[in-house]
Amino acid sequence: MKTTFTKKNYYILLVGIAFIALGYLLMIGGGSEDPNIFNPAIFDFQRITLAPLSCLSGFVTIIVAIMWRPKQEEAEANS
């Protein structure tokens, strides 16, 4: 039985999931203990730029994992 995904596809997929999880973990925090006091930490580089870029790269990596096709199969298909 031949599967669509190879071992490399699953590896790339897990890396993408790890990037997404890292992005969500980077978004955690920055809140204030007292709701009447503003905490500017919610607008730092980590939460505004780094975390969304990490999530985006994770989603792109998952798309690559789904679309990835080994070169050996292409050579066999052309024969």
Protein backbone atom coordinates (compact mmCIF):
# COMPACT_ATOMS: atom_id res chain seq x y z
CA MET A 1 0.00 0.00 0.00
CA LYS A 2 1.45 3.32 -1.10
CA THR A 3 0.64 6.46 0.88
CA THR A 4 0.53 9.99 -0.43
CA PHE A 5 2.76 11.38 2.32
CA THR A 6 6.32 10.22 2.80
CA LYS A 7 8.36 10.38 5.97
CA LYS A 8 9.78 13.73 4.85
CA ASN A 9 6.26 15.16 4.40
CA TYR A 10 5.39 14.27 7.98
CA TYR A 11 8.66 15.76 9.24
CA ILE A 12 7.95 19.06 7.43
CA LEU A 13 4.37 19.00 8.74
CA LEU A 14 5.57 18.61 12.34
CA VAL A 15 8.02 21.48 11.89
CA GLY A 16 5.13 23.66 10.66
CA ILE A 17 2.99 22.72 13.66
CA ALA A 18 5.93 23.55 15.95
CA PHE A 19 6.26 27.01 14.33
CA ILE A 20 2.56 27.68 14.89
CA ALA A 21 2.73 26.52 18.51
CA LEU A 22 5.79 28.72 19.06
CA GLY A 23 3.95 31.71 17.61
CA TYR A 24 1.00 31.22 19.94
CA LEU A 25 3.32 30.79 22.91
CA LEU A 26 5.08 34.05 22.00
CA MET A 27 1.71 35.85 22.04
CA ILE A 28 1.03 34.85 25.65
CA GLY A 29 1.34 37.47 28.37
CA GLY A 30 1.66 41.20 28.45
CA GLY A 31 -1.51 41.67 30.43
CA SER A 32 -1.82 43.70 33.57
CA GLU A 33 -2.60 42.36 37.03
CA ASP A 34 -4.95 45.30 37.64
CA PRO A 35 -7.43 46.01 34.80
CA ASN A 36 -7.31 49.73 35.63
CA ILE A 37 -3.58 50.00 34.88
CA PHE A 38 -2.31 49.96 31.29
CA ASN A 39 0.66 47.72 30.55
CA PRO A 40 2.54 48.72 27.36
CA ALA A 41 4.15 45.26 27.18
CA ILE A 42 1.28 44.09 24.96
CA PHE A 43 2.71 46.19 22.13
CA ASP A 44 6.30 44.92 22.19
CA PHE A 45 8.15 43.38 19.21
CA GLN A 46 7.59 39.82 20.41
CA ARG A 47 3.78 40.00 20.40
CA ILE A 48 3.21 42.37 17.47
CA THR A 49 5.81 41.16 14.95
CA LEU A 50 7.65 37.98 15.93
CA ALA A 51 4.68 35.84 17.00
CA PRO A 52 2.52 36.49 13.89
CA LEU A 53 5.51 35.90 11.60
CA SER A 54 6.18 32.62 13.37
CA CYS A 55 2.55 31.53 12.90
CA LEU A 56 2.58 32.61 9.26
CA SER A 57 5.79 30.71 8.56
CA GLY A 58 4.22 27.67 10.22
CA PHE A 59 1.18 27.81 7.95
CA VAL A 60 3.39 28.22 4.88
CA THR A 61 5.51 25.28 6.03
CA ILE A 62 2.39 23.12 6.37
CA ILE A 63 1.33 24.04 2.83
CA VAL A 64 4.80 23.05 1.62
CA ALA A 65 4.50 19.75 3.50
CA ILE A 66 1.20 19.00 1.81
CA MET A 67 2.44 19.93 -1.66
CA TRP A 68 5.89 18.31 -1.36
CA ARG A 69 6.55 15.51 -3.82
CA PRO A 70 9.84 13.62 -3.87
CA LYS A 71 11.89 13.88 -7.05
CA GLN A 72 12.14 10.08 -7.39
CA GLU A 73 8.41 9.74 -8.00
CA GLU A 74 8.56 12.39 -10.74
CA ALA A 75 11.29 10.47 -12.53
CA GLU A 76 9.30 7.23 -12.28
CA ALA A 77 6.15 8.94 -13.54
CA ASN A 78 7.93 10.24 -16.66
CA SER A 79 9.27 6.77 -17.56
